[in-house]
Amino acid sequence: MSGTDKVKNKAEQLSGQAKEATGRATGDEDLRAEGKADQASGNLKQAGEKVKDVFK
């Protein structure tokens, strides 16, 4: 996994966590759902990068 991709994926996860927390605090269910989606996307991308590393 390239270092840049790893940082981008982690940033996406952290951004998702922040959105989810903000949505929870303000009662904004759309923002909370968007945060969860961002986290899932970051996790999926990291998993894909790890699979690619296995086959290198």
PDB file of N, CA and C in Angstrom:
ATOM      1  N   MET A   1       0.855  -1.168   0.000  1.00  0.00           N
ATOM      2  CA  MET A   1       0.000   0.000   0.000  1.00  0.00           C
ATOM      3  C   MET A   1       0.896   1.224   0.000  1.00  0.00           C
ATOM      4  N   SER A   2       0.634   2.123  -0.903  1.00  0.00           N
ATOM      5  CA  SER A   2       1.449   3.329  -0.921  1.00  0.00           C
ATOM      6  C   SER A   2       1.092   4.192   0.281  1.00  0.00           C
ATOM      7  N   GLY A   3       2.074   4.906   0.753  1.00  0.00           N
ATOM      8  CA  GLY A   3       1.869   5.752   1.924  1.00  0.00           C
ATOM      9  C   GLY A   3       0.819   6.820   1.687  1.00  0.00           C
ATOM     10  N   THR A   4       0.804   7.373   0.492  1.00  0.00           N
ATOM     11  CA  THR A   4      -0.161   8.418   0.170  1.00  0.00           C
ATOM     12  C   THR A   4      -1.587   7.882   0.213  1.00  0.00           C
ATOM     13  N   ASP A   5      -1.801   6.701  -0.370  1.00  0.00           N
ATOM     14  CA  ASP A   5      -3.139   6.110  -0.357  1.00  0.00           C
ATOM     15  C   ASP A   5      -3.580   5.805   1.068  1.00  0.00           C
ATOM     16  N   LYS A   6      -2.661   5.312   1.859  1.00  0.00           N
ATOM     17  CA  LYS A   6      -2.992   4.968   3.243  1.00  0.00           C
ATOM     18  C   LYS A   6      -3.433   6.219   4.010  1.00  0.00           C
ATOM     19  N   VAL A   7      -2.723   7.322   3.807  1.00  0.00           N
ATOM     20  CA  VAL A   7      -3.069   8.571   4.489  1.00  0.00           C
ATOM     21  C   VAL A   7      -4.424   9.087   4.004  1.00  0.00           C
ATOM     22  N   LYS A   8      -4.662   9.034   2.693  1.00  0.00           N
ATOM     23  CA  LYS A   8      -5.945   9.503   2.156  1.00  0.00           C
ATOM     24  C   LYS A   8      -7.104   8.681   2.697  1.00  0.00           C
ATOM     25  N   ASN A   9      -6.932   7.365   2.755  1.00  0.00           N
ATOM     26  CA  ASN A   9      -7.998   6.498   3.259  1.00  0.00           C
ATOM     27  C   ASN A   9      -8.260   6.756   4.735  1.00  0.00           C
ATOM     28  N   LYS A  10      -7.199   6.942   5.504  1.00  0.00           N
ATOM     29  CA  LYS A  10      -7.355   7.222   6.934  1.00  0.00           C
ATOM     30  C   LYS A  10      -8.035   8.569   7.140  1.00  0.00           C
ATOM     31  N   ALA A  11      -7.662   9.558   6.314  1.00  0.00           N
ATOM     32  CA  ALA A  11      -8.291  10.879   6.408  1.00  0.00           C
ATOM     33  C   ALA A  11      -9.782  10.781   6.107  1.00  0.00           C
ATOM     34  N   GLU A  12     -10.139   9.958   5.140  1.00  0.00           N
ATOM     35  CA  GLU A  12     -11.555   9.778   4.809  1.00  0.00           C
ATOM     36  C   GLU A  12     -12.302   9.146   5.988  1.00  0.00           C
ATOM     37  N   GLN A  13     -11.669   8.190   6.644  1.00  0.00           N
ATOM     38  CA  GLN A  13     -12.294   7.565   7.815  1.00  0.00           C
ATOM     39  C   GLN A  13     -12.484   8.583   8.938  1.00  0.00           C
ATOM     40  N   LEU A  14     -11.446   9.365   9.204  1.00  0.00           N
ATOM     41  CA  LEU A  14     -11.525  10.349  10.291  1.00  0.00           C
ATOM     42  C   LEU A  14     -12.555  11.438   9.981  1.00  0.00           C
ATOM     43  N   SER A  15     -12.621  11.842   8.724  1.00  0.00           N
ATOM     44  CA  SER A  15     -13.622  12.820   8.310  1.00  0.00           C
ATOM     45  C   SER A  15     -15.027  12.251   8.527  1.00  0.00           C
ATOM     46  N   GLY A  16     -15.189  10.997   8.199  1.00  0.00           N
ATOM     47  CA  GLY A  16     -16.478  10.335   8.409  1.00  0.00           C
ATOM     48  C   GLY A  16     -16.850  10.270   9.875  1.00  0.00           C
ATOM     49  N   GLN A  17     -15.863   9.998  10.726  1.00  0.00           N
ATOM     50  CA  GLN A  17     -16.130   9.960  12.162  1.00  0.00           C
ATOM     51  C   GLN A  17     -16.558  11.331  12.675  1.00  0.00           C
ATOM     52  N   ALA A  18     -15.906  12.377  12.171  1.00  0.00           N
ATOM     53  CA  ALA A  18     -16.259  13.732  12.585  1.00  0.00           C
ATOM     54  C   ALA A  18     -17.667  14.098  12.124  1.00  0.00           C
ATOM     55  N   LYS A  19     -18.001  13.746  10.879  1.00  0.00           N
ATOM     56  CA  LYS A  19     -19.338  14.026  10.369  1.00  0.00           C
ATOM     57  C   LYS A  19     -20.394  13.279  11.178  1.00  0.00           C
ATOM     58  N   GLU A  20     -20.097  12.017  11.483  1.00  0.00           N
ATOM     59  CA  GLU A  20     -21.056  11.223  12.251  1.00  0.00           C
ATOM     60  C   GLU A  20     -21.276  11.837  13.628  1.00  0.00           C
ATOM     61  N   ALA A  21     -20.194  12.232  14.280  1.00  0.00           N
ATOM     62  CA  ALA A  21     -20.301  12.830  15.617  1.00  0.00           C
ATOM     63  C   ALA A  21     -21.064  14.151  15.565  1.00  0.00           C
ATOM     64  N   THR A  22     -20.783  14.959  14.559  1.00  0.00           N
ATOM     65  CA  THR A  22     -21.482  16.232  14.412  1.00  0.00           C
ATOM     66  C   THR A  22     -22.968  15.998  14.149  1.00  0.00           C
ATOM     67  N   GLY A  23     -23.264  15.044  13.280  1.00  0.00           N
ATOM     68  CA  GLY A  23     -24.659  14.720  12.996  1.00  0.00           C
ATOM     69  C   GLY A  23     -25.382  14.213  14.227  1.00  0.00           C
ATOM     70  N   ARG A  24     -24.700  13.411  15.021  1.00  0.00           N
ATOM     71  CA  ARG A  24     -25.308  12.894  16.248  1.00  0.00           C
ATOM     72  C   ARG A  24     -25.567  14.035  17.230  1.00  0.00           C
ATOM     73  N   ALA A  25     -24.597  14.952  17.355  1.00  0.00           N
ATOM     74  CA  ALA A  25     -24.724  16.051  18.307  1.00  0.00           C
ATOM     75  C   ALA A  25     -25.818  17.047  17.913  1.00  0.00           C
ATOM     76  N   THR A  26     -25.981  17.246  16.615  1.00  0.00           N
ATOM     77  CA  THR A  26     -26.966  18.223  16.153  1.00  0.00           C
ATOM     78  C   THR A  26     -28.310  17.605  15.793  1.00  0.00           C
ATOM     79  N   GLY A  27     -28.387  16.285  15.800  1.00  0.00           N
ATOM     80  CA  GLY A  27     -29.624  15.615  15.449  1.00  0.00           C
ATOM     81  C   GLY A  27     -29.845  15.547  13.944  1.00  0.00           C
ATOM     82  N   ASP A  28     -28.796  15.766  13.161  1.00  0.00           N
ATOM     83  CA  ASP A  28     -28.876  15.738  11.697  1.00  0.00           C
ATOM     84  C   ASP A  28     -28.582  14.314  11.222  1.00  0.00           C
ATOM     85  N   GLU A  29     -29.642  13.567  10.960  1.00  0.00           N
ATOM     86  CA  GLU A  29     -29.492  12.162  10.567  1.00  0.00           C
ATOM     87  C   GLU A  29     -28.825  12.006   9.199  1.00  0.00           C
ATOM     88  N   ASP A  30     -29.035  12.969   8.301  1.00  0.00           N
ATOM     89  CA  ASP A  30     -28.400  12.901   6.984  1.00  0.00           C
ATOM     90  C   ASP A  30     -26.886  13.023   7.106  1.00  0.00           C
ATOM     91  N   LEU A  31     -26.418  13.957   7.932  1.00  0.00           N
ATOM     92  CA  LEU A  31     -24.987  14.132   8.137  1.00  0.00           C
ATOM     93  C   LEU A  31     -24.394  12.909   8.829  1.00  0.00           C
ATOM     94  N   ARG A  32     -25.125  12.363   9.766  1.00  0.00           N
ATOM     95  CA  ARG A  32     -24.661  11.161  10.465  1.00  0.00           C
ATOM     96  C   ARG A  32     -24.521   9.986   9.487  1.00  0.00           C
ATOM     97  N   ALA A  33     -25.489   9.818   8.614  1.00  0.00           N
ATOM     98  CA  ALA A  33     -25.442   8.743   7.620  1.00  0.00           C
ATOM     99  C   ALA A  33     -24.299   8.971   6.634  1.00  0.00           C
ATOM    100  N   GLU A  34     -24.083  10.224   6.241  1.00  0.00           N
ATOM    101  CA  GLU A  34     -22.987  10.544   5.335  1.00  0.00           C
ATOM    102  C   GLU A  34     -21.648  10.202   5.990  1.00  0.00           C
ATOM    103  N   GLY A  35     -21.526  10.476   7.273  1.00  0.00           N
ATOM    104  CA  GLY A  35     -20.309  10.145   8.004  1.00  0.00           C
ATOM    105  C   GLY A  35     -20.059   8.649   8.045  1.00  0.00           C
ATOM    106  N   LYS A  36     -21.097   7.888   8.273  1.00  0.00           N
ATOM    107  CA  LYS A  36     -20.959   6.431   8.291  1.00  0.00           C
ATOM    108  C   LYS A  36     -20.553   5.914   6.916  1.00  0.00           C
ATOM    109  N   ALA A  37     -21.123   6.504   5.871  1.00  0.00           N
ATOM    110  CA  ALA A  37     -20.776   6.094   4.506  1.00  0.00           C
ATOM    111  C   ALA A  37     -19.315   6.406   4.195  1.00  0.00           C
ATOM    112  N   ASP A  38     -18.836   7.561   4.635  1.00  0.00           N
ATOM    113  CA  ASP A  38     -17.436   7.928   4.420  1.00  0.00           C
ATOM    114  C   ASP A  38     -16.505   6.954   5.132  1.00  0.00           C
ATOM    115  N   GLN A  39     -16.874   6.579   6.336  1.00  0.00           N
ATOM    116  CA  GLN A  39     -16.056   5.626   7.088  1.00  0.00           C
ATOM    117  C   GLN A  39     -16.010   4.279   6.370  1.00  0.00           C
ATOM    118  N   ALA A  40     -17.154   3.817   5.907  1.00  0.00           N
ATOM    119  CA  ALA A  40     -17.213   2.534   5.210  1.00  0.00           C
ATOM    120  C   ALA A  40     -16.393   2.582   3.928  1.00  0.00           C
ATOM    121  N   SER A  41     -16.465   3.681   3.222  1.00  0.00           N
ATOM    122  CA  SER A  41     -15.710   3.839   1.989  1.00  0.00           C
ATOM    123  C   SER A  41     -14.202   3.790   2.269  1.00  0.00           C
ATOM    124  N   GLY A  42     -13.768   4.490   3.299  1.00  0.00           N
ATOM    125  CA  GLY A  42     -12.349   4.472   3.665  1.00  0.00           C
ATOM    126  C   GLY A  42     -11.887   3.086   4.060  1.00  0.00           C
ATOM    127  N   ASN A  43     -12.712   2.374   4.803  1.00  0.00           N
ATOM    128  CA  ASN A  43     -12.372   1.006   5.207  1.00  0.00           C
ATOM    129  C   ASN A  43     -12.266   0.082   4.004  1.00  0.00           C
ATOM    130  N   LEU A  44     -13.201   0.223   3.083  1.00  0.00           N
ATOM    131  CA  LEU A  44     -13.210  -0.617   1.887  1.00  0.00           C
ATOM    132  C   LEU A  44     -11.978  -0.359   1.024  1.00  0.00           C
ATOM    133  N   LYS A  45     -11.610   0.901   0.882  1.00  0.00           N
ATOM    134  CA  LYS A  45     -10.427   1.246   0.094  1.00  0.00           C
ATOM    135  C   LYS A  45      -9.166   0.682   0.731  1.00  0.00           C
ATOM    136  N   GLN A  46      -9.076   0.755   2.053  1.00  0.00           N
ATOM    137  CA  GLN A  46      -7.899   0.203   2.735  1.00  0.00           C
ATOM    138  C   GLN A  46      -7.841  -1.305   2.543  1.00  0.00           C
ATOM    139  N   ALA A  47      -8.962  -1.960   2.622  1.00  0.00           N
ATOM    140  CA  ALA A  47      -8.988  -3.415   2.425  1.00  0.00           C
ATOM    141  C   ALA A  47      -8.535  -3.761   1.010  1.00  0.00           C
ATOM    142  N   GLY A  48      -8.985  -2.994   0.032  1.00  0.00           N
ATOM    143  CA  GLY A  48      -8.570  -3.227  -1.343  1.00  0.00           C
ATOM    144  C   GLY A  48      -7.075  -3.049  -1.532  1.00  0.00           C
ATOM    145  N   GLU A  49      -6.507  -2.049  -0.899  1.00  0.00           N
ATOM    146  CA  GLU A  49      -5.065  -1.816  -0.982  1.00  0.00           C
ATOM    147  C   GLU A  49      -4.300  -2.973  -0.337  1.00  0.00           C
ATOM    148  N   LYS A  50      -4.807  -3.491   0.757  1.00  0.00           N
ATOM    149  CA  LYS A  50      -4.142  -4.610   1.429  1.00  0.00           C
ATOM    150  C   LYS A  50      -4.162  -5.857   0.556  1.00  0.00           C
ATOM    151  N   VAL A  51      -5.265  -6.092  -0.135  1.00  0.00           N
ATOM    152  CA  VAL A  51      -5.360  -7.242  -1.038  1.00  0.00           C
ATOM    153  C   VAL A  51      -4.332  -7.090  -2.173  1.00  0.00           C
ATOM    154  N   LYS A  52      -4.224  -5.887  -2.707  1.00  0.00           N
ATOM    155  CA  LYS A  52      -3.243  -5.648  -3.777  1.00  0.00           C
ATOM    156  C   LYS A  52      -1.825  -5.914  -3.272  1.00  0.00           C
ATOM    157  N   ASP A  53      -1.549  -5.527  -2.025  1.00  0.00           N
ATOM    158  CA  ASP A  53      -0.214  -5.750  -1.459  1.00  0.00           C
ATOM    159  C   ASP A  53       0.101  -7.240  -1.338  1.00  0.00           C
ATOM    160  N   VAL A  54      -0.898  -8.053  -1.052  1.00  0.00           N
ATOM    161  CA  VAL A  54      -0.694  -9.484  -0.901  1.00  0.00           C
ATOM    162  C   VAL A  54      -0.222 -10.090  -2.218  1.00  0.00           C
ATOM    163  N   PHE A  55      -0.726  -9.594  -3.334  1.00  0.00           N
ATOM    164  CA  PHE A  55      -0.400 -10.162  -4.629  1.00  0.00           C
ATOM    165  C   PHE A  55       0.807  -9.529  -5.305  1.00  0.00           C
ATOM    166  N   LYS A  56       1.515  -8.674  -4.609  1.00  0.00           N
ATOM    167  CA  LYS A  56       2.716  -8.059  -5.184  1.00  0.00           C
ATOM    168  C   LYS A  56       3.891  -8.996  -5.086  1.00  0.00           C
TER     169      LYS A  56
END
